[in-house]
Amino acid sequence: MQDAVLAMLAKEPSHGYQLHARLRRSLGPLGEAMNRGQIYVTLSRLEKAGLVVCERADGLPDRPERKVYALTPAGQQRVTAWLSEVGWPKPDLAEFHLKLTAAAAARLADPVELVAAQRRELLRRLREAQQAALAEPPGPGAALLLEGVVLRLQADLRWLDVCERAWTPGAGTEDA
């Protein structure tokens, strides 16, 4: 969650409510359960870590002033590092989706290139798992577990194909 919040701030400084709304919109129905308080706790931790700074912004006559958060240079470095990470074999699909959305919104990286990097890593792991499965005797032992790993990696590769099509220019994507 921290990295996704930082990446959303890379687009523009924002207050907590804006970040919450953008994250929920990016996740669609999966974001419905996102607690607004979680965003403020995350922002507080990021501020203590020196990754964001907070400034007070004048509010409207009927609203109090708001805290607006912006990235520090250290926060920008962390976003850059996060975008280059390859998160498999235990992907958090929602986090990867937010990575693509935030990268595109802030123009930090090309989402199609991020998908390609993930695909390369999955293909490498798939080859390793297939070779290991071939070396195991058939039956309910390690071969069965390896078959599950192969099937999971194949499913993740299909999902990345869908991501690539969605983020390819001209496919009608929108910024978060």
N, C-alpha and C. Protein backbone atom coordinates (compact mmCIF):
# COMPACT_ATOMS: atom_id res chain seq x y z
N MET A 1 0.82 -1.19 0.00
CA MET A 1 0.00 0.00 0.00
C MET A 1 0.86 1.26 0.00
N GLN A 2 1.97 1.24 0.77
CA GLN A 2 2.81 2.44 0.85
C GLN A 2 3.35 2.82 -0.52
N ASP A 3 3.81 1.84 -1.27
CA ASP A 3 4.39 2.15 -2.58
C ASP A 3 3.34 2.69 -3.54
N ALA A 4 2.14 2.14 -3.48
CA ALA A 4 1.06 2.63 -4.35
C ALA A 4 0.71 4.08 -4.00
N VAL A 5 0.67 4.40 -2.73
CA VAL A 5 0.38 5.77 -2.31
C VAL A 5 1.49 6.71 -2.79
N LEU A 6 2.75 6.29 -2.64
CA LEU A 6 3.86 7.12 -3.12
C LEU A 6 3.76 7.35 -4.63
N ALA A 7 3.44 6.29 -5.36
CA ALA A 7 3.35 6.42 -6.81
C ALA A 7 2.20 7.34 -7.21
N MET A 8 1.10 7.29 -6.49
CA MET A 8 -0.01 8.20 -6.78
C MET A 8 0.41 9.65 -6.52
N LEU A 9 1.25 9.86 -5.51
CA LEU A 9 1.74 11.21 -5.22
C LEU A 9 2.75 11.69 -6.25
N ALA A 10 3.34 10.77 -6.99
CA ALA A 10 4.30 11.17 -8.03
C ALA A 10 3.61 11.95 -9.13
N LYS A 11 2.32 11.70 -9.33
CA LYS A 11 1.58 12.44 -10.35
C LYS A 11 1.41 13.89 -9.92
N GLU A 12 0.99 14.08 -8.67
CA GLU A 12 0.78 15.43 -8.15
C GLU A 12 0.57 15.35 -6.64
N PRO A 13 0.95 16.40 -5.91
CA PRO A 13 0.66 16.43 -4.49
C PRO A 13 -0.85 16.32 -4.27
N SER A 14 -1.24 15.63 -3.22
CA SER A 14 -2.66 15.38 -2.96
C SER A 14 -2.92 15.31 -1.47
N HIS A 15 -4.19 15.47 -1.13
CA HIS A 15 -4.58 15.24 0.26
C HIS A 15 -5.12 13.81 0.37
N GLY A 16 -5.28 13.34 1.58
CA GLY A 16 -5.66 11.96 1.83
C GLY A 16 -6.95 11.54 1.14
N TYR A 17 -7.94 12.42 1.16
CA TYR A 17 -9.23 12.06 0.54
C TYR A 17 -9.05 11.83 -0.96
N GLN A 18 -8.27 12.68 -1.63
CA GLN A 18 -8.02 12.50 -3.06
C GLN A 18 -7.32 11.17 -3.33
N LEU A 19 -6.32 10.87 -2.52
CA LEU A 19 -5.59 9.60 -2.70
C LEU A 19 -6.52 8.41 -2.52
N HIS A 20 -7.35 8.46 -1.49
CA HIS A 20 -8.30 7.38 -1.23
C HIS A 20 -9.22 7.20 -2.43
N ALA A 21 -9.74 8.28 -2.95
CA ALA A 21 -10.67 8.21 -4.09
C ALA A 21 -9.96 7.65 -5.32
N ARG A 22 -8.73 8.07 -5.58
CA ARG A 22 -8.00 7.58 -6.76
C ARG A 22 -7.69 6.09 -6.63
N LEU A 23 -7.29 5.67 -5.44
CA LEU A 23 -6.99 4.25 -5.23
C LEU A 23 -8.25 3.40 -5.38
N ARG A 24 -9.35 3.86 -4.80
CA ARG A 24 -10.62 3.12 -4.93
C ARG A 24 -11.06 3.04 -6.38
N ARG A 25 -10.94 4.15 -7.10
CA ARG A 25 -11.32 4.17 -8.51
C ARG A 25 -10.43 3.22 -9.32
N SER A 26 -9.15 3.19 -9.00
CA SER A 26 -8.22 2.31 -9.71
C SER A 26 -8.52 0.83 -9.48
N LEU A 27 -8.98 0.51 -8.29
CA LEU A 27 -9.24 -0.90 -7.95
C LEU A 27 -10.67 -1.34 -8.26
N GLY A 28 -11.54 -0.41 -8.58
CA GLY A 28 -12.93 -0.78 -8.89
C GLY A 28 -13.58 -1.44 -7.69
N PRO A 29 -14.35 -2.51 -7.93
CA PRO A 29 -15.06 -3.17 -6.83
C PRO A 29 -14.13 -3.70 -5.74
N LEU A 30 -12.89 -4.03 -6.09
CA LEU A 30 -11.95 -4.52 -5.08
C LEU A 30 -11.55 -3.41 -4.10
N GLY A 31 -11.72 -2.17 -4.50
CA GLY A 31 -11.36 -1.05 -3.63
C GLY A 31 -12.46 -0.62 -2.68
N GLU A 32 -13.65 -1.22 -2.81
CA GLU A 32 -14.78 -0.82 -1.95
C GLU A 32 -14.49 -1.01 -0.47
N ALA A 33 -13.69 -2.02 -0.14
CA ALA A 33 -13.41 -2.31 1.27
C ALA A 33 -12.25 -1.47 1.81
N MET A 34 -11.64 -0.64 0.98
CA MET A 34 -10.50 0.15 1.42
C MET A 34 -10.94 1.19 2.44
N ASN A 35 -10.31 1.17 3.58
CA ASN A 35 -10.61 2.06 4.69
C ASN A 35 -9.88 3.39 4.49
N ARG A 36 -10.60 4.50 4.55
CA ARG A 36 -9.99 5.82 4.39
C ARG A 36 -8.93 6.06 5.46
N GLY A 37 -9.18 5.57 6.66
CA GLY A 37 -8.21 5.74 7.74
C GLY A 37 -6.87 5.09 7.43
N GLN A 38 -6.90 4.02 6.66
CA GLN A 38 -5.66 3.34 6.28
C GLN A 38 -4.76 4.27 5.47
N ILE A 39 -5.36 5.10 4.63
CA ILE A 39 -4.58 6.04 3.82
C ILE A 39 -3.86 7.04 4.74
N TYR A 40 -4.57 7.56 5.74
CA TYR A 40 -3.97 8.54 6.64
C TYR A 40 -2.88 7.93 7.51
N VAL A 41 -3.06 6.69 7.94
CA VAL A 41 -2.01 6.00 8.70
C VAL A 41 -0.79 5.80 7.81
N THR A 42 -1.03 5.40 6.57
CA THR A 42 0.07 5.20 5.62
C THR A 42 0.81 6.51 5.37
N LEU A 43 0.07 7.59 5.16
CA LEU A 43 0.70 8.90 4.94
C LEU A 43 1.54 9.32 6.14
N SER A 44 1.05 9.07 7.34
CA SER A 44 1.80 9.41 8.55
C SER A 44 3.11 8.62 8.61
N ARG A 45 3.04 7.34 8.29
CA ARG A 45 4.26 6.51 8.30
C ARG A 45 5.25 6.98 7.24
N LEU A 46 4.73 7.33 6.07
CA LEU A 46 5.60 7.79 4.99
C LEU A 46 6.26 9.12 5.36
N GLU A 47 5.52 9.98 6.06
CA GLU A 47 6.08 11.25 6.49
C GLU A 47 7.19 11.02 7.52
N LYS A 48 6.94 10.13 8.48
CA LYS A 48 7.96 9.82 9.50
C LYS A 48 9.21 9.22 8.87
N ALA A 49 9.03 8.47 7.77
CA ALA A 49 10.16 7.85 7.08
C ALA A 49 10.88 8.83 6.16
N GLY A 50 10.36 10.06 6.03
CA GLY A 50 11.00 11.05 5.19
C GLY A 50 10.74 10.87 3.70
N LEU A 51 9.68 10.13 3.37
CA LEU A 51 9.36 9.88 1.97
C LEU A 51 8.34 10.86 1.41
N VAL A 52 7.59 11.52 2.30
CA VAL A 52 6.65 12.56 1.90
C VAL A 52 6.77 13.73 2.87
N VAL A 53 6.36 14.89 2.40
CA VAL A 53 6.25 16.07 3.26
C VAL A 53 4.80 16.52 3.24
N CYS A 54 4.40 17.16 4.30
CA CYS A 54 3.02 17.60 4.42
C CYS A 54 2.99 19.12 4.57
N GLU A 55 2.10 19.74 3.82
CA GLU A 55 1.88 21.19 3.94
C GLU A 55 0.40 21.41 4.15
N ARG A 56 0.10 22.47 4.83
CA ARG A 56 -1.31 22.81 5.04
C ARG A 56 -1.79 23.66 3.88
N ALA A 57 -2.96 23.34 3.36
CA ALA A 57 -3.56 24.10 2.26
C ALA A 57 -4.84 24.73 2.77
N ASP A 58 -5.08 25.94 2.35
CA ASP A 58 -6.31 26.62 2.75
C ASP A 58 -7.52 25.83 2.28
N GLY A 59 -8.50 25.72 3.15
CA GLY A 59 -9.73 25.04 2.79
C GLY A 59 -10.75 26.02 2.25
N LEU A 60 -11.87 25.50 1.91
CA LEU A 60 -13.00 26.33 1.47
C LEU A 60 -13.66 26.92 2.71
N PRO A 61 -14.51 27.93 2.53
CA PRO A 61 -15.15 28.54 3.71
C PRO A 61 -15.90 27.52 4.58
N ASP A 62 -16.48 26.51 3.98
CA ASP A 62 -17.24 25.53 4.75
C ASP A 62 -16.42 24.29 5.11
N ARG A 63 -15.12 24.30 4.79
CA ARG A 63 -14.25 23.16 5.10
C ARG A 63 -12.97 23.66 5.76
N PRO A 64 -12.43 22.87 6.67
CA PRO A 64 -11.17 23.27 7.31
C PRO A 64 -10.00 23.13 6.32
N GLU A 65 -8.86 23.68 6.72
CA GLU A 65 -7.68 23.51 5.87
C GLU A 65 -7.32 22.03 5.79
N ARG A 66 -6.65 21.67 4.73
CA ARG A 66 -6.31 20.27 4.50
C ARG A 66 -4.80 20.11 4.46
N LYS A 67 -4.38 18.90 4.77
CA LYS A 67 -2.97 18.56 4.63
C LYS A 67 -2.77 18.04 3.22
N VAL A 68 -1.81 18.62 2.53
CA VAL A 68 -1.46 18.16 1.18
C VAL A 68 -0.09 17.52 1.27
N TYR A 69 0.01 16.31 0.73
CA TYR A 69 1.24 15.53 0.79
C TYR A 69 1.94 15.54 -0.56
N ALA A 70 3.27 15.62 -0.52
CA ALA A 70 4.08 15.59 -1.72
C ALA A 70 5.30 14.70 -1.48
N LEU A 71 5.84 14.16 -2.54
CA LEU A 71 7.02 13.32 -2.44
C LEU A 71 8.27 14.13 -2.10
N THR A 72 9.15 13.51 -1.34
CA THR A 72 10.49 14.04 -1.15
C THR A 72 11.38 13.36 -2.20
N PRO A 73 12.62 13.80 -2.37
CA PRO A 73 13.52 13.09 -3.29
C PRO A 73 13.66 11.60 -2.91
N ALA A 74 13.70 11.30 -1.61
CA ALA A 74 13.78 9.89 -1.19
C ALA A 74 12.52 9.14 -1.58
N GLY A 75 11.37 9.79 -1.49
CA GLY A 75 10.12 9.16 -1.92
C GLY A 75 10.12 8.89 -3.41
N GLN A 76 10.63 9.83 -4.18
CA GLN A 76 10.72 9.63 -5.63
C GLN A 76 11.64 8.45 -5.96
N GLN A 77 12.75 8.33 -5.24
CA GLN A 77 13.66 7.20 -5.46
C GLN A 77 12.97 5.88 -5.13
N ARG A 78 12.19 5.86 -4.06
CA ARG A 78 11.50 4.63 -3.70
C ARG A 78 10.47 4.25 -4.76
N VAL A 79 9.76 5.22 -5.31
CA VAL A 79 8.79 4.94 -6.38
C VAL A 79 9.52 4.33 -7.58
N THR A 80 10.63 4.92 -7.96
CA THR A 80 11.40 4.41 -9.08
C THR A 80 11.84 2.97 -8.83
N ALA A 81 12.30 2.69 -7.63
CA ALA A 81 12.72 1.32 -7.30
C ALA A 81 11.54 0.36 -7.33
N TRP A 82 10.40 0.79 -6.81
CA TRP A 82 9.20 -0.06 -6.79
C TRP A 82 8.76 -0.41 -8.20
N LEU A 83 8.80 0.56 -9.08
CA LEU A 83 8.36 0.32 -10.46
C LEU A 83 9.27 -0.68 -11.17
N SER A 84 10.51 -0.78 -10.74
CA SER A 84 11.42 -1.71 -11.41
C SER A 84 11.43 -3.10 -10.76
N GLU A 85 10.76 -3.26 -9.63
CA GLU A 85 10.70 -4.57 -8.96
C GLU A 85 9.86 -5.55 -9.76
N VAL A 86 10.27 -6.81 -9.70
CA VAL A 86 9.49 -7.90 -10.27
C VAL A 86 8.94 -8.68 -9.09
N GLY A 87 7.61 -8.73 -8.96
CA GLY A 87 6.98 -9.25 -7.76
C GLY A 87 6.56 -10.71 -7.77
N TRP A 88 6.86 -11.45 -8.79
CA TRP A 88 6.46 -12.84 -8.79
C TRP A 88 7.51 -13.65 -8.09
N PRO A 89 7.20 -14.81 -7.50
CA PRO A 89 6.08 -15.71 -7.75
C PRO A 89 4.87 -15.47 -6.88
N LYS A 90 4.92 -14.57 -5.93
CA LYS A 90 3.77 -14.32 -5.07
C LYS A 90 3.21 -12.94 -5.41
N PRO A 91 2.59 -12.82 -6.55
CA PRO A 91 2.12 -11.47 -6.92
C PRO A 91 0.90 -11.06 -6.15
N ASP A 92 0.87 -9.81 -5.84
CA ASP A 92 -0.36 -9.20 -5.35
C ASP A 92 -0.93 -8.51 -6.57
N LEU A 93 -1.94 -9.11 -7.19
CA LEU A 93 -2.47 -8.59 -8.44
C LEU A 93 -2.99 -7.17 -8.30
N ALA A 94 -3.61 -6.86 -7.17
CA ALA A 94 -4.10 -5.49 -6.96
C ALA A 94 -2.93 -4.52 -6.91
N GLU A 95 -1.85 -4.90 -6.24
CA GLU A 95 -0.68 -4.01 -6.17
C GLU A 95 -0.07 -3.82 -7.56
N PHE A 96 0.02 -4.89 -8.34
CA PHE A 96 0.59 -4.76 -9.68
C PHE A 96 -0.31 -3.86 -10.53
N HIS A 97 -1.61 -4.02 -10.39
CA HIS A 97 -2.55 -3.17 -11.13
C HIS A 97 -2.35 -1.70 -10.74
N LEU A 98 -2.20 -1.44 -9.45
CA LEU A 98 -1.95 -0.06 -8.99
C LEU A 98 -0.62 0.46 -9.52
N LYS A 99 0.37 -0.42 -9.61
CA LYS A 99 1.66 -0.02 -10.16
C LYS A 99 1.49 0.45 -11.60
N LEU A 100 0.75 -0.29 -12.39
CA LEU A 100 0.51 0.10 -13.77
C LEU A 100 -0.26 1.42 -13.85
N THR A 101 -1.29 1.54 -13.04
CA THR A 101 -2.12 2.74 -13.04
C THR A 101 -1.32 3.96 -12.62
N ALA A 102 -0.56 3.84 -11.53
CA ALA A 102 0.22 4.97 -11.03
C ALA A 102 1.34 5.33 -11.99
N ALA A 103 2.00 4.34 -12.57
CA ALA A 103 3.09 4.61 -13.51
C ALA A 103 2.57 5.40 -14.71
N ALA A 104 1.40 5.01 -15.20
CA ALA A 104 0.83 5.71 -16.35
C ALA A 104 0.35 7.11 -15.96
N ALA A 105 -0.31 7.22 -14.82
CA ALA A 105 -0.88 8.51 -14.41
C ALA A 105 0.21 9.56 -14.20
N ALA A 106 1.32 9.15 -13.60
CA ALA A 106 2.41 10.09 -13.31
C ALA A 106 3.45 10.10 -14.42
N ARG A 107 3.23 9.32 -15.44
CA ARG A 107 4.17 9.21 -16.57
C ARG A 107 5.57 8.86 -16.08
N LEU A 108 5.62 7.92 -15.12
CA LEU A 108 6.90 7.47 -14.56
C LEU A 108 7.49 6.33 -15.35
N ALA A 109 6.63 5.52 -15.94
CA ALA A 109 7.08 4.35 -16.70
C ALA A 109 5.96 3.95 -17.64
N ASP A 110 6.32 3.24 -18.68
CA ASP A 110 5.35 2.73 -19.63
C ASP A 110 4.76 1.44 -19.06
N PRO A 111 3.45 1.38 -18.82
CA PRO A 111 2.86 0.17 -18.27
C PRO A 111 3.14 -1.07 -19.12
N VAL A 112 3.19 -0.92 -20.43
CA VAL A 112 3.46 -2.07 -21.30
C VAL A 112 4.87 -2.61 -21.03
N GLU A 113 5.81 -1.72 -20.78
CA GLU A 113 7.17 -2.16 -20.45
C GLU A 113 7.21 -2.85 -19.09
N LEU A 114 6.43 -2.37 -18.12
CA LEU A 114 6.37 -3.03 -16.82
C LEU A 114 5.79 -4.43 -16.97
N VAL A 115 4.76 -4.57 -17.80
CA VAL A 115 4.16 -5.88 -18.05
C VAL A 115 5.20 -6.80 -18.71
N ALA A 116 5.96 -6.27 -19.66
CA ALA A 116 6.97 -7.08 -20.34
C ALA A 116 8.04 -7.57 -19.37
N ALA A 117 8.45 -6.73 -18.43
CA ALA A 117 9.44 -7.14 -17.44
C ALA A 117 8.88 -8.26 -16.56
N GLN A 118 7.62 -8.14 -16.16
CA GLN A 118 6.99 -9.19 -15.36
C GLN A 118 6.90 -10.49 -16.17
N ARG A 119 6.55 -10.35 -17.46
CA ARG A 119 6.42 -11.53 -18.31
C ARG A 119 7.76 -12.27 -18.42
N ARG A 120 8.84 -11.52 -18.61
CA ARG A 120 10.17 -12.16 -18.71
C ARG A 120 10.47 -12.96 -17.45
N GLU A 121 10.17 -12.38 -16.31
CA GLU A 121 10.42 -13.08 -15.05
C GLU A 121 9.55 -14.33 -14.93
N LEU A 122 8.29 -14.22 -15.28
CA LEU A 122 7.41 -15.39 -15.20
C LEU A 122 7.84 -16.48 -16.16
N LEU A 123 8.24 -16.12 -17.35
CA LEU A 123 8.71 -17.13 -18.32
C LEU A 123 9.95 -17.85 -17.80
N ARG A 124 10.85 -17.10 -17.17
CA ARG A 124 12.04 -17.72 -16.58
C ARG A 124 11.64 -18.72 -15.49
N ARG A 125 10.73 -18.30 -14.63
CA ARG A 125 10.29 -19.18 -13.55
C ARG A 125 9.50 -20.37 -14.08
N LEU A 126 8.73 -20.15 -15.14
CA LEU A 126 7.96 -21.24 -15.74
C LEU A 126 8.92 -22.30 -16.30
N ARG A 127 9.96 -21.87 -17.01
CA ARG A 127 10.94 -22.83 -17.53
C ARG A 127 11.56 -23.64 -16.41
N GLU A 128 11.93 -22.97 -15.32
CA GLU A 128 12.53 -23.67 -14.17
C GLU A 128 11.57 -24.68 -13.58
N ALA A 129 10.32 -24.28 -13.41
CA ALA A 129 9.32 -25.18 -12.82
C ALA A 129 9.05 -26.37 -13.74
N GLN A 130 8.97 -26.13 -15.05
CA GLN A 130 8.73 -27.23 -15.99
C GLN A 130 9.90 -28.21 -15.99
N GLN A 131 11.12 -27.70 -15.95
CA GLN A 131 12.29 -28.58 -15.90
C GLN A 131 12.30 -29.40 -14.62
N ALA A 132 11.99 -28.76 -13.51
CA ALA A 132 11.95 -29.47 -12.23
C ALA A 132 10.85 -30.53 -12.23
N ALA A 133 9.69 -30.21 -12.82
CA ALA A 133 8.58 -31.17 -12.88
C ALA A 133 8.95 -32.38 -13.71
N LEU A 134 9.66 -32.16 -14.81
CA LEU A 134 10.08 -33.28 -15.66
C LEU A 134 11.07 -34.20 -14.95
N ALA A 135 11.83 -33.66 -14.02
CA ALA A 135 12.83 -34.45 -13.30
C ALA A 135 12.23 -35.26 -12.16
N GLU A 136 10.99 -34.97 -11.78
CA GLU A 136 10.34 -35.67 -10.67
C GLU A 136 9.54 -36.88 -11.17
N PRO A 137 9.51 -37.94 -10.37
CA PRO A 137 8.65 -39.08 -10.74
C PRO A 137 7.18 -38.68 -10.61
N PRO A 138 6.32 -39.19 -11.50
CA PRO A 138 4.89 -38.85 -11.39
C PRO A 138 4.29 -39.35 -10.08
N GLY A 139 3.24 -38.71 -9.66
CA GLY A 139 2.56 -39.15 -8.45
C GLY A 139 2.21 -37.98 -7.56
N PRO A 140 1.76 -38.29 -6.35
CA PRO A 140 1.26 -37.23 -5.47
C PRO A 140 2.37 -36.48 -4.72
N GLY A 141 3.61 -36.66 -5.08
CA GLY A 141 4.71 -35.99 -4.40
C GLY A 141 4.97 -34.61 -4.95
N ALA A 142 6.25 -34.30 -5.06
CA ALA A 142 6.67 -32.97 -5.50
C ALA A 142 6.19 -32.66 -6.92
N ALA A 143 6.03 -33.68 -7.76
CA ALA A 143 5.58 -33.44 -9.13
C ALA A 143 4.21 -32.77 -9.15
N LEU A 144 3.34 -33.16 -8.24
CA LEU A 144 2.01 -32.56 -8.17
C LEU A 144 2.09 -31.08 -7.77
N LEU A 145 2.93 -30.79 -6.80
CA LEU A 145 3.12 -29.40 -6.38
C LEU A 145 3.70 -28.59 -7.53
N LEU A 146 4.68 -29.13 -8.21
CA LEU A 146 5.29 -28.42 -9.33
C LEU A 146 4.29 -28.19 -10.46
N GLU A 147 3.40 -29.14 -10.67
CA GLU A 147 2.35 -28.94 -11.68
C GLU A 147 1.46 -27.76 -11.29
N GLY A 148 1.16 -27.63 -10.01
CA GLY A 148 0.38 -26.48 -9.53
C GLY A 148 1.12 -25.17 -9.77
N VAL A 149 2.42 -25.16 -9.55
CA VAL A 149 3.22 -23.97 -9.79
C VAL A 149 3.19 -23.61 -11.28
N VAL A 150 3.33 -24.62 -12.15
CA VAL A 150 3.29 -24.39 -13.60
C VAL A 150 1.94 -23.81 -14.01
N LEU A 151 0.86 -24.39 -13.50
CA LEU A 151 -0.48 -23.90 -13.86
C LEU A 151 -0.69 -22.46 -13.39
N ARG A 152 -0.22 -22.14 -12.20
CA ARG A 152 -0.36 -20.79 -11.67
C ARG A 152 0.41 -19.79 -12.53
N LEU A 153 1.64 -20.15 -12.89
CA LEU A 153 2.45 -19.26 -13.73
C LEU A 153 1.81 -19.07 -15.11
N GLN A 154 1.25 -20.12 -15.66
CA GLN A 154 0.56 -20.00 -16.96
C GLN A 154 -0.64 -19.07 -16.85
N ALA A 155 -1.39 -19.19 -15.77
CA ALA A 155 -2.54 -18.30 -15.56
C ALA A 155 -2.08 -16.85 -15.41
N ASP A 156 -1.01 -16.64 -14.67
CA ASP A 156 -0.48 -15.28 -14.49
C ASP A 156 0.00 -14.71 -15.82
N LEU A 157 0.59 -15.54 -16.66
CA LEU A 157 1.01 -15.08 -17.98
C LEU A 157 -0.19 -14.67 -18.84
N ARG A 158 -1.27 -15.42 -18.76
CA ARG A 158 -2.48 -15.05 -19.50
C ARG A 158 -3.02 -13.72 -19.00
N TRP A 159 -3.00 -13.51 -17.69
CA TRP A 159 -3.46 -12.24 -17.14
C TRP A 159 -2.57 -11.09 -17.62
N LEU A 160 -1.26 -11.31 -17.69
CA LEU A 160 -0.37 -10.28 -18.20
C LEU A 160 -0.67 -9.96 -19.66
N ASP A 161 -1.08 -10.96 -20.44
CA ASP A 161 -1.49 -10.70 -21.83
C ASP A 161 -2.67 -9.73 -21.86
N VAL A 162 -3.63 -9.95 -20.96
CA VAL A 162 -4.79 -9.07 -20.87
C VAL A 162 -4.36 -7.66 -20.45
N CYS A 163 -3.45 -7.58 -19.48
CA CYS A 163 -2.93 -6.28 -19.04
C CYS A 163 -2.25 -5.56 -20.20
N GLU A 164 -1.45 -6.28 -20.96
CA GLU A 164 -0.75 -5.65 -22.07
C GLU A 164 -1.73 -5.10 -23.10
N ARG A 165 -2.75 -5.86 -23.42
CA ARG A 165 -3.74 -5.38 -24.38
C ARG A 165 -4.44 -4.13 -23.85
N ALA A 166 -4.76 -4.13 -22.57
CA ALA A 166 -5.48 -2.99 -21.97
C ALA A 166 -4.61 -1.73 -21.95
N TRP A 167 -3.32 -1.88 -21.78
CA TRP A 167 -2.44 -0.72 -21.65
C TRP A 167 -1.73 -0.34 -22.96
N THR A 168 -1.99 -1.08 -24.01
CA THR A 168 -1.39 -0.73 -25.29
C THR A 168 -2.07 0.54 -25.80
N PRO A 169 -1.27 1.51 -26.25
CA PRO A 169 -1.87 2.77 -26.72
C PRO A 169 -2.99 2.54 -27.73
N GLY A 170 -4.04 3.32 -27.55
CA GLY A 170 -5.18 3.20 -28.45
C GLY A 170 -6.23 2.22 -27.97
N ALA A 171 -5.98 1.57 -26.83
CA ALA A 171 -6.93 0.59 -26.33
C ALA A 171 -7.97 1.22 -25.40
N GLY A 172 -7.89 2.53 -25.20
CA GLY A 172 -8.91 3.23 -24.41
C GLY A 172 -8.66 3.24 -22.92
N THR A 173 -7.38 3.23 -22.47
CA THR A 173 -7.12 3.30 -21.04
C THR A 173 -7.31 4.72 -20.57
N GLU A 174 -7.50 4.86 -19.27
CA GLU A 174 -7.68 6.20 -18.70
C GLU A 174 -6.78 6.35 -17.50
N ASP A 175 -6.38 7.58 -17.23
CA ASP A 175 -5.54 7.86 -16.05
C ASP A 175 -6.39 7.79 -14.80
N ALA A 176 -5.73 7.42 -13.71
CA ALA A 176 -6.44 7.37 -12.43
C ALA A 176 -6.37 8.71 -11.76
